[in-house]
Amino acid sequence: MKKYDAAVIGAGNGGLAAAIRLLQGGARVPLVEKHNLPGGFATGFRRGRFEFEASLHEINDLETAEPPGNLRVLFDELGATDKIDWIQIPASYRIICKNENQDTAMPFGMKEFIDKMEPYVPGSRKSMENFFELVREVEETQAYTSVCNGHADFGEMVKRYPNFVRTGSYSANGVFKALKMPQRAIDILATY
């Protein structure tokens, strides 16, 4: 019987990345998958004469080579970045509502998003800036609690992440209300 350091069950995106990381670290790892091909949501399948694409269509946090996003760093470390034909998506998302005569395309990037929102919803800039500042703080808080392995110091949280502590138990609508965000801006933001 062969000896392994770890086993990875499931050859979807996460399983493939985990197995490669373990192998890069020198571990002996079997990767098992019940489907007839690896890839999980990065695959397609046929049912009769129809072909379905189950794939992810968009990957967030890739960014550009400088500065790279977390996923680009991962793909670089996995040695996969230059093996993929990347297609840049022109907008983060687009809303088309014919009955409201609306065609709204929202760009990537916080500043760009806020700058685009202001003409759609005049007077929304301050609430949008506060919203994205809170988003940044939530990301930092998640990184901090991850490093603490779930045992974060509450006093440190209050000192370093006061907005997160203040709004952490709010629903999304509660956050929007607390920020006094105009309903039209909420409608555009909440679509995504």
N, C-alpha and C. Protein backbone atom coordinates (compact mmCIF):
# COMPACT_ATOMS: atom_id res chain seq x y z
N MET A 1 0.83 -1.18 0.00
CA MET A 1 0.00 0.00 0.00
C MET A 1 0.88 1.25 0.00
N LYS A 2 0.55 2.19 -0.89
CA LYS A 2 1.34 3.42 -0.96
C LYS A 2 1.02 4.34 0.21
N LYS A 3 2.02 5.09 0.64
CA LYS A 3 1.85 6.07 1.70
C LYS A 3 1.77 7.45 1.08
N TYR A 4 0.81 8.26 1.56
CA TYR A 4 0.63 9.63 1.08
C TYR A 4 0.69 10.60 2.25
N ASP A 5 1.08 11.81 1.96
CA ASP A 5 1.12 12.86 2.98
C ASP A 5 -0.26 13.48 3.18
N ALA A 6 -1.04 13.52 2.11
CA ALA A 6 -2.39 14.09 2.16
C ALA A 6 -3.16 13.53 0.98
N ALA A 7 -4.47 13.65 1.03
CA ALA A 7 -5.31 13.24 -0.09
C ALA A 7 -6.25 14.39 -0.41
N VAL A 8 -6.48 14.63 -1.70
CA VAL A 8 -7.42 15.67 -2.12
C VAL A 8 -8.57 14.96 -2.82
N ILE A 9 -9.78 15.23 -2.32
CA ILE A 9 -10.97 14.62 -2.88
C ILE A 9 -11.74 15.69 -3.64
N GLY A 10 -11.87 15.50 -4.92
CA GLY A 10 -12.56 16.46 -5.78
C GLY A 10 -11.57 17.24 -6.61
N ALA A 11 -11.67 17.09 -7.93
CA ALA A 11 -10.74 17.75 -8.85
C ALA A 11 -11.38 18.96 -9.50
N GLY A 12 -12.18 19.70 -8.71
CA GLY A 12 -12.69 20.99 -9.19
C GLY A 12 -11.59 22.02 -9.07
N ASN A 13 -11.95 23.28 -9.22
CA ASN A 13 -10.95 24.35 -9.16
C ASN A 13 -10.17 24.33 -7.85
N GLY A 14 -10.88 24.22 -6.72
CA GLY A 14 -10.21 24.22 -5.42
C GLY A 14 -9.36 23.00 -5.21
N GLY A 15 -9.87 21.83 -5.59
CA GLY A 15 -9.11 20.59 -5.44
C GLY A 15 -7.85 20.57 -6.27
N LEU A 16 -7.96 21.04 -7.51
CA LEU A 16 -6.78 21.09 -8.38
C LEU A 16 -5.72 22.02 -7.80
N ALA A 17 -6.16 23.21 -7.34
CA ALA A 17 -5.21 24.17 -6.75
C ALA A 17 -4.57 23.59 -5.49
N ALA A 18 -5.37 22.96 -4.64
CA ALA A 18 -4.84 22.38 -3.41
C ALA A 18 -3.82 21.28 -3.72
N ALA A 19 -4.14 20.41 -4.66
CA ALA A 19 -3.22 19.32 -5.00
C ALA A 19 -1.91 19.86 -5.56
N ILE A 20 -1.99 20.85 -6.43
CA ILE A 20 -0.77 21.42 -7.00
C ILE A 20 0.08 22.06 -5.91
N ARG A 21 -0.57 22.81 -5.00
CA ARG A 21 0.16 23.46 -3.91
C ARG A 21 0.87 22.41 -3.03
N LEU A 22 0.17 21.34 -2.72
CA LEU A 22 0.78 20.28 -1.91
C LEU A 22 1.95 19.65 -2.64
N LEU A 23 1.77 19.40 -3.92
CA LEU A 23 2.87 18.82 -4.72
C LEU A 23 4.05 19.78 -4.80
N GLN A 24 3.77 21.07 -4.97
CA GLN A 24 4.86 22.06 -5.00
C GLN A 24 5.63 22.07 -3.68
N GLY A 25 4.95 21.75 -2.59
CA GLY A 25 5.60 21.69 -1.28
C GLY A 25 6.30 20.37 -1.01
N GLY A 26 6.26 19.45 -1.98
CA GLY A 26 6.96 18.18 -1.83
C GLY A 26 6.12 17.04 -1.28
N ALA A 27 4.84 17.27 -1.11
CA ALA A 27 3.97 16.22 -0.56
C ALA A 27 3.61 15.20 -1.63
N ARG A 28 3.36 13.97 -1.18
CA ARG A 28 2.85 12.92 -2.06
C ARG A 28 1.34 12.92 -1.90
N VAL A 29 0.64 13.16 -3.01
CA VAL A 29 -0.80 13.43 -2.93
C VAL A 29 -1.57 12.72 -4.03
N PRO A 30 -2.54 11.89 -3.67
CA PRO A 30 -3.47 11.40 -4.70
C PRO A 30 -4.61 12.41 -4.83
N LEU A 31 -5.09 12.59 -6.04
CA LEU A 31 -6.22 13.47 -6.32
C LEU A 31 -7.31 12.59 -6.92
N VAL A 32 -8.46 12.52 -6.23
CA VAL A 32 -9.53 11.64 -6.72
C VAL A 32 -10.74 12.47 -7.11
N GLU A 33 -11.42 12.01 -8.17
CA GLU A 33 -12.59 12.71 -8.72
C GLU A 33 -13.58 11.69 -9.21
N LYS A 34 -14.85 11.85 -8.86
CA LYS A 34 -15.86 10.88 -9.29
C LYS A 34 -16.33 11.12 -10.72
N HIS A 35 -16.17 12.33 -11.22
CA HIS A 35 -16.58 12.62 -12.60
C HIS A 35 -15.53 12.04 -13.55
N ASN A 36 -15.86 11.99 -14.84
CA ASN A 36 -14.91 11.40 -15.79
C ASN A 36 -13.85 12.41 -16.27
N LEU A 37 -13.92 13.68 -15.82
CA LEU A 37 -12.88 14.64 -16.15
C LEU A 37 -12.74 15.64 -15.01
N PRO A 38 -11.54 16.21 -14.84
CA PRO A 38 -11.33 17.19 -13.77
C PRO A 38 -11.84 18.57 -14.20
N GLY A 39 -11.95 19.47 -13.24
CA GLY A 39 -12.27 20.85 -13.56
C GLY A 39 -13.50 21.40 -12.87
N GLY A 40 -14.42 20.56 -12.43
CA GLY A 40 -15.60 21.06 -11.74
C GLY A 40 -16.36 22.08 -12.57
N PHE A 41 -16.52 23.28 -12.00
CA PHE A 41 -17.24 24.34 -12.71
C PHE A 41 -16.46 24.91 -13.89
N ALA A 42 -15.27 24.46 -14.12
CA ALA A 42 -14.49 24.91 -15.28
C ALA A 42 -14.59 23.89 -16.41
N THR A 43 -15.74 23.25 -16.52
CA THR A 43 -15.95 22.25 -17.57
C THR A 43 -17.31 22.44 -18.23
N GLY A 44 -17.61 21.61 -19.17
CA GLY A 44 -18.92 21.56 -19.80
C GLY A 44 -19.37 20.10 -19.85
N PHE A 45 -20.60 19.87 -20.27
CA PHE A 45 -21.08 18.49 -20.37
C PHE A 45 -22.16 18.41 -21.44
N ARG A 46 -22.44 17.18 -21.90
CA ARG A 46 -23.47 16.94 -22.90
C ARG A 46 -24.61 16.12 -22.31
N ARG A 47 -25.80 16.47 -22.74
CA ARG A 47 -26.98 15.68 -22.44
C ARG A 47 -27.69 15.51 -23.78
N GLY A 48 -27.60 14.30 -24.30
CA GLY A 48 -28.18 14.07 -25.63
C GLY A 48 -27.45 14.90 -26.67
N ARG A 49 -28.20 15.62 -27.48
CA ARG A 49 -27.58 16.44 -28.52
C ARG A 49 -27.22 17.85 -28.05
N PHE A 50 -27.45 18.14 -26.76
CA PHE A 50 -27.19 19.48 -26.22
C PHE A 50 -25.89 19.52 -25.42
N GLU A 51 -25.16 20.61 -25.57
CA GLU A 51 -23.93 20.82 -24.81
C GLU A 51 -24.15 22.00 -23.87
N PHE A 52 -23.79 21.80 -22.59
CA PHE A 52 -23.97 22.83 -21.58
C PHE A 52 -22.61 23.27 -21.07
N GLU A 53 -22.45 24.56 -20.91
CA GLU A 53 -21.23 25.09 -20.35
C GLU A 53 -21.49 25.41 -18.89
N ALA A 54 -20.86 24.67 -18.00
CA ALA A 54 -21.04 24.88 -16.56
C ALA A 54 -20.00 25.86 -16.02
N SER A 55 -19.16 26.34 -16.90
CA SER A 55 -17.99 27.12 -16.51
C SER A 55 -18.27 28.40 -15.77
N LEU A 56 -17.28 28.77 -14.99
CA LEU A 56 -17.23 30.12 -14.46
C LEU A 56 -17.01 31.04 -15.65
N HIS A 57 -17.66 32.16 -15.66
CA HIS A 57 -17.51 33.06 -16.79
C HIS A 57 -16.65 34.27 -16.47
N GLU A 58 -16.43 34.49 -15.21
CA GLU A 58 -15.68 35.68 -14.81
C GLU A 58 -14.91 35.36 -13.54
N ILE A 59 -13.67 35.84 -13.48
CA ILE A 59 -12.84 35.64 -12.30
C ILE A 59 -12.50 37.01 -11.74
N ASN A 60 -12.87 37.24 -10.50
CA ASN A 60 -12.55 38.50 -9.84
C ASN A 60 -11.17 38.43 -9.20
N ASP A 61 -10.60 39.57 -8.94
CA ASP A 61 -9.33 39.71 -8.23
C ASP A 61 -8.14 39.19 -9.01
N LEU A 62 -8.24 39.21 -10.33
CA LEU A 62 -7.10 38.85 -11.15
C LEU A 62 -6.20 40.05 -11.32
N GLU A 63 -6.80 41.19 -11.64
CA GLU A 63 -6.10 42.46 -11.85
C GLU A 63 -5.11 42.33 -13.00
N THR A 64 -4.12 43.22 -13.02
CA THR A 64 -3.09 43.22 -14.06
C THR A 64 -1.80 42.69 -13.45
N ALA A 65 -0.77 42.59 -14.29
CA ALA A 65 0.51 42.08 -13.78
C ALA A 65 1.06 42.98 -12.68
N GLU A 66 0.84 44.27 -12.78
CA GLU A 66 1.27 45.23 -11.76
C GLU A 66 0.16 46.20 -11.47
N PRO A 67 -0.48 46.23 -10.35
CA PRO A 67 -0.30 45.28 -9.25
C PRO A 67 -1.17 44.05 -9.48
N PRO A 68 -0.66 42.89 -9.15
CA PRO A 68 -1.46 41.68 -9.35
C PRO A 68 -2.51 41.51 -8.25
N GLY A 69 -3.64 40.93 -8.61
CA GLY A 69 -4.63 40.56 -7.61
C GLY A 69 -4.26 39.22 -7.02
N ASN A 70 -4.97 38.81 -5.98
CA ASN A 70 -4.66 37.55 -5.29
C ASN A 70 -4.72 36.35 -6.23
N LEU A 71 -5.70 36.33 -7.15
CA LEU A 71 -5.79 35.18 -8.05
C LEU A 71 -4.65 35.16 -9.06
N ARG A 72 -4.20 36.33 -9.53
CA ARG A 72 -3.06 36.35 -10.43
C ARG A 72 -1.81 35.82 -9.72
N VAL A 73 -1.63 36.20 -8.47
CA VAL A 73 -0.50 35.69 -7.68
C VAL A 73 -0.58 34.16 -7.60
N LEU A 74 -1.79 33.64 -7.32
CA LEU A 74 -1.97 32.19 -7.25
C LEU A 74 -1.65 31.54 -8.59
N PHE A 75 -2.21 32.07 -9.69
CA PHE A 75 -1.94 31.49 -11.01
C PHE A 75 -0.46 31.58 -11.35
N ASP A 76 0.20 32.68 -10.98
CA ASP A 76 1.65 32.81 -11.21
C ASP A 76 2.39 31.71 -10.46
N GLU A 77 2.04 31.53 -9.17
CA GLU A 77 2.70 30.52 -8.35
C GLU A 77 2.44 29.11 -8.85
N LEU A 78 1.26 28.90 -9.44
CA LEU A 78 0.93 27.58 -9.99
C LEU A 78 1.56 27.37 -11.37
N GLY A 79 2.14 28.43 -11.92
CA GLY A 79 2.75 28.35 -13.25
C GLY A 79 1.73 28.30 -14.37
N ALA A 80 0.53 28.87 -14.13
CA ALA A 80 -0.56 28.77 -15.11
C ALA A 80 -0.89 30.07 -15.84
N THR A 81 -0.44 31.20 -15.35
CA THR A 81 -0.86 32.50 -15.90
C THR A 81 -0.63 32.60 -17.40
N ASP A 82 0.55 32.20 -17.85
CA ASP A 82 0.88 32.35 -19.28
C ASP A 82 0.31 31.22 -20.14
N LYS A 83 -0.40 30.28 -19.55
CA LYS A 83 -1.01 29.18 -20.31
C LYS A 83 -2.49 29.41 -20.58
N ILE A 84 -3.00 30.56 -20.15
CA ILE A 84 -4.43 30.86 -20.28
C ILE A 84 -4.61 32.08 -21.18
N ASP A 85 -5.56 31.99 -22.10
CA ASP A 85 -5.91 33.15 -22.93
C ASP A 85 -6.95 33.96 -22.16
N TRP A 86 -6.52 35.08 -21.57
CA TRP A 86 -7.39 35.92 -20.76
C TRP A 86 -8.15 36.88 -21.66
N ILE A 87 -9.40 37.09 -21.36
CA ILE A 87 -10.23 38.06 -22.08
C ILE A 87 -10.68 39.10 -21.07
N GLN A 88 -10.33 40.36 -21.31
CA GLN A 88 -10.72 41.43 -20.41
C GLN A 88 -12.20 41.75 -20.59
N ILE A 89 -12.94 41.73 -19.50
CA ILE A 89 -14.36 42.08 -19.52
C ILE A 89 -14.45 43.60 -19.50
N PRO A 90 -15.26 44.21 -20.39
CA PRO A 90 -15.28 45.67 -20.48
C PRO A 90 -15.94 46.38 -19.29
N ALA A 91 -16.84 45.72 -18.58
CA ALA A 91 -17.51 46.34 -17.44
C ALA A 91 -17.74 45.29 -16.37
N SER A 92 -17.83 45.74 -15.13
CA SER A 92 -18.10 44.83 -14.04
C SER A 92 -19.46 44.17 -14.23
N TYR A 93 -20.47 44.99 -14.57
CA TYR A 93 -21.79 44.47 -14.91
C TYR A 93 -22.58 45.55 -15.62
N ARG A 94 -23.67 45.12 -16.23
CA ARG A 94 -24.52 46.04 -16.99
C ARG A 94 -25.97 45.71 -16.68
N ILE A 95 -26.75 46.76 -16.47
CA ILE A 95 -28.18 46.61 -16.18
C ILE A 95 -28.95 47.23 -17.34
N ILE A 96 -29.84 46.43 -17.92
CA ILE A 96 -30.72 46.94 -18.98
C ILE A 96 -32.15 46.67 -18.55
N CYS A 97 -32.93 47.73 -18.35
CA CYS A 97 -34.35 47.63 -18.00
C CYS A 97 -35.12 48.48 -19.00
N LYS A 98 -35.71 47.82 -19.97
CA LYS A 98 -36.43 48.54 -21.02
C LYS A 98 -37.60 49.34 -20.48
N ASN A 99 -38.36 48.77 -19.52
CA ASN A 99 -39.53 49.50 -19.02
C ASN A 99 -39.14 50.75 -18.21
N GLU A 100 -37.88 50.83 -17.74
CA GLU A 100 -37.41 52.02 -17.03
C GLU A 100 -36.46 52.84 -17.90
N ASN A 101 -36.30 52.44 -19.15
CA ASN A 101 -35.38 53.12 -20.07
C ASN A 101 -33.99 53.26 -19.45
N GLN A 102 -33.50 52.15 -18.90
CA GLN A 102 -32.22 52.14 -18.21
C GLN A 102 -31.22 51.25 -18.94
N ASP A 103 -30.04 51.77 -19.15
CA ASP A 103 -28.90 51.01 -19.66
C ASP A 103 -27.69 51.52 -18.89
N THR A 104 -27.33 50.79 -17.86
CA THR A 104 -26.30 51.22 -16.92
C THR A 104 -25.15 50.22 -16.95
N ALA A 105 -23.96 50.67 -17.31
CA ALA A 105 -22.77 49.82 -17.29
C ALA A 105 -21.85 50.32 -16.19
N MET A 106 -21.52 49.45 -15.24
CA MET A 106 -20.69 49.83 -14.11
C MET A 106 -19.28 49.25 -14.29
N PRO A 107 -18.27 50.09 -14.15
CA PRO A 107 -16.88 49.66 -14.38
C PRO A 107 -16.26 48.96 -13.17
N PHE A 108 -15.12 48.36 -13.40
CA PHE A 108 -14.30 47.79 -12.34
C PHE A 108 -13.57 48.91 -11.63
N GLY A 109 -13.19 48.68 -10.41
CA GLY A 109 -12.42 49.66 -9.64
C GLY A 109 -13.33 50.54 -8.80
N MET A 110 -12.95 50.74 -7.55
CA MET A 110 -13.80 51.52 -6.65
C MET A 110 -13.95 52.96 -7.11
N LYS A 111 -12.85 53.63 -7.41
CA LYS A 111 -12.92 55.03 -7.83
C LYS A 111 -13.72 55.15 -9.12
N GLU A 112 -13.44 54.26 -10.06
CA GLU A 112 -14.15 54.29 -11.34
C GLU A 112 -15.65 54.04 -11.15
N PHE A 113 -15.97 53.12 -10.25
CA PHE A 113 -17.37 52.79 -9.96
C PHE A 113 -18.08 54.02 -9.37
N ILE A 114 -17.45 54.65 -8.39
CA ILE A 114 -18.04 55.83 -7.74
C ILE A 114 -18.20 56.97 -8.76
N ASP A 115 -17.16 57.19 -9.58
CA ASP A 115 -17.23 58.25 -10.60
C ASP A 115 -18.36 58.01 -11.60
N LYS A 116 -18.61 56.75 -11.92
CA LYS A 116 -19.68 56.42 -12.87
C LYS A 116 -21.06 56.51 -12.21
N MET A 117 -21.14 56.18 -10.92
CA MET A 117 -22.42 56.22 -10.22
C MET A 117 -22.94 57.64 -10.08
N GLU A 118 -22.06 58.59 -9.82
CA GLU A 118 -22.49 59.97 -9.54
C GLU A 118 -23.37 60.56 -10.65
N PRO A 119 -23.03 60.42 -11.94
CA PRO A 119 -23.94 60.94 -12.97
C PRO A 119 -25.28 60.18 -13.02
N TYR A 120 -25.26 58.88 -12.73
CA TYR A 120 -26.51 58.11 -12.71
C TYR A 120 -27.39 58.53 -11.54
N VAL A 121 -26.74 58.78 -10.38
CA VAL A 121 -27.47 59.14 -9.16
C VAL A 121 -26.77 60.35 -8.53
N PRO A 122 -27.08 61.54 -8.98
CA PRO A 122 -26.44 62.73 -8.42
C PRO A 122 -26.60 62.80 -6.90
N GLY A 123 -25.52 63.11 -6.21
CA GLY A 123 -25.55 63.18 -4.76
C GLY A 123 -25.20 61.88 -4.06
N SER A 124 -24.84 60.86 -4.81
CA SER A 124 -24.55 59.54 -4.21
C SER A 124 -23.08 59.37 -3.85
N ARG A 125 -22.22 60.29 -4.27
CA ARG A 125 -20.77 60.09 -4.12
C ARG A 125 -20.35 59.80 -2.68
N LYS A 126 -20.78 60.60 -1.72
CA LYS A 126 -20.32 60.43 -0.34
C LYS A 126 -20.73 59.06 0.22
N SER A 127 -21.98 58.66 -0.01
CA SER A 127 -22.41 57.35 0.51
C SER A 127 -21.66 56.22 -0.18
N MET A 128 -21.35 56.38 -1.47
CA MET A 128 -20.59 55.34 -2.18
C MET A 128 -19.15 55.27 -1.68
N GLU A 129 -18.53 56.44 -1.43
CA GLU A 129 -17.17 56.44 -0.88
C GLU A 129 -17.16 55.76 0.49
N ASN A 130 -18.15 56.07 1.33
CA ASN A 130 -18.23 55.44 2.65
C ASN A 130 -18.47 53.94 2.54
N PHE A 131 -19.28 53.53 1.57
CA PHE A 131 -19.55 52.11 1.36
C PHE A 131 -18.26 51.37 0.99
N PHE A 132 -17.52 51.90 0.02
CA PHE A 132 -16.31 51.21 -0.41
C PHE A 132 -15.21 51.27 0.64
N GLU A 133 -15.20 52.31 1.46
CA GLU A 133 -14.27 52.35 2.59
C GLU A 133 -14.61 51.23 3.58
N LEU A 134 -15.90 51.03 3.81
CA LEU A 134 -16.33 49.93 4.68
C LEU A 134 -15.96 48.58 4.07
N VAL A 135 -16.12 48.43 2.76
CA VAL A 135 -15.73 47.18 2.09
C VAL A 135 -14.25 46.91 2.29
N ARG A 136 -13.41 47.96 2.13
CA ARG A 136 -11.97 47.81 2.34
C ARG A 136 -11.69 47.37 3.78
N GLU A 137 -12.39 47.98 4.74
CA GLU A 137 -12.19 47.63 6.14
C GLU A 137 -12.64 46.19 6.43
N VAL A 138 -13.72 45.76 5.81
CA VAL A 138 -14.19 44.38 5.99
C VAL A 138 -13.12 43.41 5.47
N GLU A 139 -12.53 43.71 4.32
CA GLU A 139 -11.46 42.85 3.79
C GLU A 139 -10.28 42.78 4.75
N GLU A 140 -9.88 43.93 5.31
CA GLU A 140 -8.78 43.95 6.26
C GLU A 140 -9.14 43.18 7.54
N THR A 141 -10.38 43.31 7.98
CA THR A 141 -10.84 42.60 9.17
C THR A 141 -10.80 41.09 8.94
N GLN A 142 -11.24 40.66 7.76
CA GLN A 142 -11.21 39.23 7.44
C GLN A 142 -9.78 38.71 7.43
N ALA A 143 -8.86 39.50 6.89
CA ALA A 143 -7.45 39.09 6.88
C ALA A 143 -6.93 38.98 8.31
N TYR A 144 -7.27 39.95 9.16
CA TYR A 144 -6.83 39.94 10.56
C TYR A 144 -7.38 38.71 11.30
N THR A 145 -8.68 38.47 11.18
CA THR A 145 -9.28 37.34 11.90
C THR A 145 -8.76 36.01 11.38
N SER A 146 -8.41 35.96 10.10
CA SER A 146 -7.84 34.75 9.54
C SER A 146 -6.47 34.45 10.16
N VAL A 147 -5.66 35.48 10.29
CA VAL A 147 -4.33 35.33 10.90
C VAL A 147 -4.47 34.89 12.36
N CYS A 148 -5.52 35.39 13.02
CA CYS A 148 -5.77 35.04 14.44
C CYS A 148 -6.44 33.68 14.57
N ASN A 149 -6.70 33.04 13.46
CA ASN A 149 -7.33 31.72 13.45
C ASN A 149 -8.66 31.73 14.20
N GLY A 150 -9.42 32.82 14.02
CA GLY A 150 -10.74 32.91 14.64
C GLY A 150 -10.74 33.38 16.08
N HIS A 151 -9.57 33.70 16.65
CA HIS A 151 -9.48 34.13 18.05
C HIS A 151 -8.99 35.57 18.10
N ALA A 152 -9.71 36.46 17.44
CA ALA A 152 -9.31 37.86 17.38
C ALA A 152 -9.52 38.55 18.72
N ASP A 153 -8.67 39.52 19.02
CA ASP A 153 -8.79 40.34 20.23
C ASP A 153 -9.82 41.43 19.96
N PHE A 154 -10.94 41.42 20.72
CA PHE A 154 -12.03 42.36 20.46
C PHE A 154 -11.56 43.82 20.63
N GLY A 155 -10.74 44.08 21.62
CA GLY A 155 -10.22 45.44 21.82
C GLY A 155 -9.42 45.91 20.61
N GLU A 156 -8.65 45.01 20.06
CA GLU A 156 -7.87 45.33 18.85
C GLU A 156 -8.81 45.56 17.67
N MET A 157 -9.86 44.76 17.59
CA MET A 157 -10.85 44.92 16.51
C MET A 157 -11.50 46.30 16.59
N VAL A 158 -11.90 46.71 17.80
CA VAL A 158 -12.55 48.02 17.98
C VAL A 158 -11.60 49.14 17.58
N LYS A 159 -10.33 48.99 17.96
CA LYS A 159 -9.33 50.02 17.67
C LYS A 159 -9.00 50.08 16.17
N ARG A 160 -8.78 48.92 15.54
CA ARG A 160 -8.32 48.89 14.15
C ARG A 160 -9.45 48.90 13.13
N TYR A 161 -10.61 48.32 13.48
CA TYR A 161 -11.70 48.15 12.52
C TYR A 161 -13.04 48.62 13.11
N PRO A 162 -13.11 49.88 13.53
CA PRO A 162 -14.32 50.36 14.22
C PRO A 162 -15.58 50.31 13.36
N ASN A 163 -15.47 50.58 12.08
CA ASN A 163 -16.66 50.55 11.22
C ASN A 163 -17.18 49.13 11.03
N PHE A 164 -16.27 48.17 10.95
CA PHE A 164 -16.70 46.78 10.85
C PHE A 164 -17.43 46.36 12.12
N VAL A 165 -16.85 46.68 13.26
CA VAL A 165 -17.46 46.31 14.54
C VAL A 165 -18.84 46.96 14.66
N ARG A 166 -18.95 48.22 14.22
CA ARG A 166 -20.20 48.95 14.31
C ARG A 166 -21.28 48.37 13.41
N THR A 167 -20.90 47.91 12.23
CA THR A 167 -21.89 47.48 11.23
C THR A 167 -21.86 45.99 10.93
N GLY A 168 -20.99 45.24 11.58
CA GLY A 168 -20.82 43.82 11.28
C GLY A 168 -22.08 42.99 11.37
N SER A 169 -23.00 43.37 12.24
CA SER A 169 -24.23 42.60 12.38
C SER A 169 -25.37 43.14 11.53
N TYR A 170 -25.13 44.20 10.77
CA TYR A 170 -26.18 44.78 9.92
C TYR A 170 -26.41 43.91 8.69
N SER A 171 -27.61 43.96 8.18
CA SER A 171 -27.88 43.37 6.86
C SER A 171 -27.33 44.36 5.83
N ALA A 172 -27.26 43.93 4.58
CA ALA A 172 -26.82 44.84 3.52
C ALA A 172 -27.73 46.07 3.49
N ASN A 173 -29.04 45.86 3.59
CA ASN A 173 -29.96 47.00 3.58
C ASN A 173 -29.75 47.90 4.79
N GLY A 174 -29.40 47.33 5.92
CA GLY A 174 -29.09 48.13 7.11
C GLY A 174 -27.87 49.00 6.89
N VAL A 175 -26.85 48.44 6.22
CA VAL A 175 -25.65 49.21 5.89
C VAL A 175 -26.01 50.35 4.95
N PHE A 176 -26.76 50.06 3.90
CA PHE A 176 -27.15 51.10 2.94
C PHE A 176 -27.91 52.22 3.65
N LYS A 177 -28.81 51.85 4.54
CA LYS A 177 -29.61 52.84 5.27
C LYS A 177 -28.72 53.68 6.18
N ALA A 178 -27.80 53.03 6.91
CA ALA A 178 -26.89 53.75 7.80
C ALA A 178 -26.01 54.72 7.03
N LEU A 179 -25.67 54.37 5.80
CA LEU A 179 -24.83 55.24 4.96
C LEU A 179 -25.64 56.32 4.24
N LYS A 180 -26.97 56.28 4.41
CA LYS A 180 -27.87 57.23 3.74
C LYS A 180 -27.68 57.20 2.22
N MET A 181 -27.55 55.98 1.71
CA MET A 181 -27.37 55.81 0.27
C MET A 181 -28.72 55.98 -0.43
N PRO A 182 -28.77 56.78 -1.50
CA PRO A 182 -30.03 56.94 -2.24
C PRO A 182 -30.52 55.60 -2.80
N GLN A 183 -31.84 55.42 -2.81
CA GLN A 183 -32.42 54.15 -3.25
C GLN A 183 -31.98 53.78 -4.66
N ARG A 184 -31.90 54.74 -5.55
CA ARG A 184 -31.49 54.46 -6.94
C ARG A 184 -30.06 53.88 -6.97
N ALA A 185 -29.16 54.42 -6.14
CA ALA A 185 -27.79 53.89 -6.06
C ALA A 185 -27.80 52.48 -5.46
N ILE A 186 -28.66 52.25 -4.47
CA ILE A 186 -28.79 50.90 -3.88
C ILE A 186 -29.25 49.92 -4.95
N ASP A 187 -30.23 50.34 -5.76
CA ASP A 187 -30.75 49.46 -6.81
C ASP A 187 -29.67 49.07 -7.80
N ILE A 188 -28.82 50.04 -8.16
CA ILE A 188 -27.74 49.76 -9.12
C ILE A 188 -26.68 48.89 -8.46
N LEU A 189 -26.27 49.22 -7.24
CA LEU A 189 -25.24 48.47 -6.54
C LEU A 189 -25.69 47.07 -6.20
N ALA A 190 -26.91 46.93 -5.70
CA ALA A 190 -27.42 45.64 -5.24
C ALA A 190 -27.70 44.67 -6.38
N THR A 191 -27.76 45.15 -7.60
CA THR A 191 -27.95 44.25 -8.75
C THR A 191 -26.83 43.24 -8.83
N TYR A 192 -25.63 43.66 -8.53
CA TYR A 192 -24.47 42.77 -8.60
C TYR A 192 -24.39 41.94 -7.35
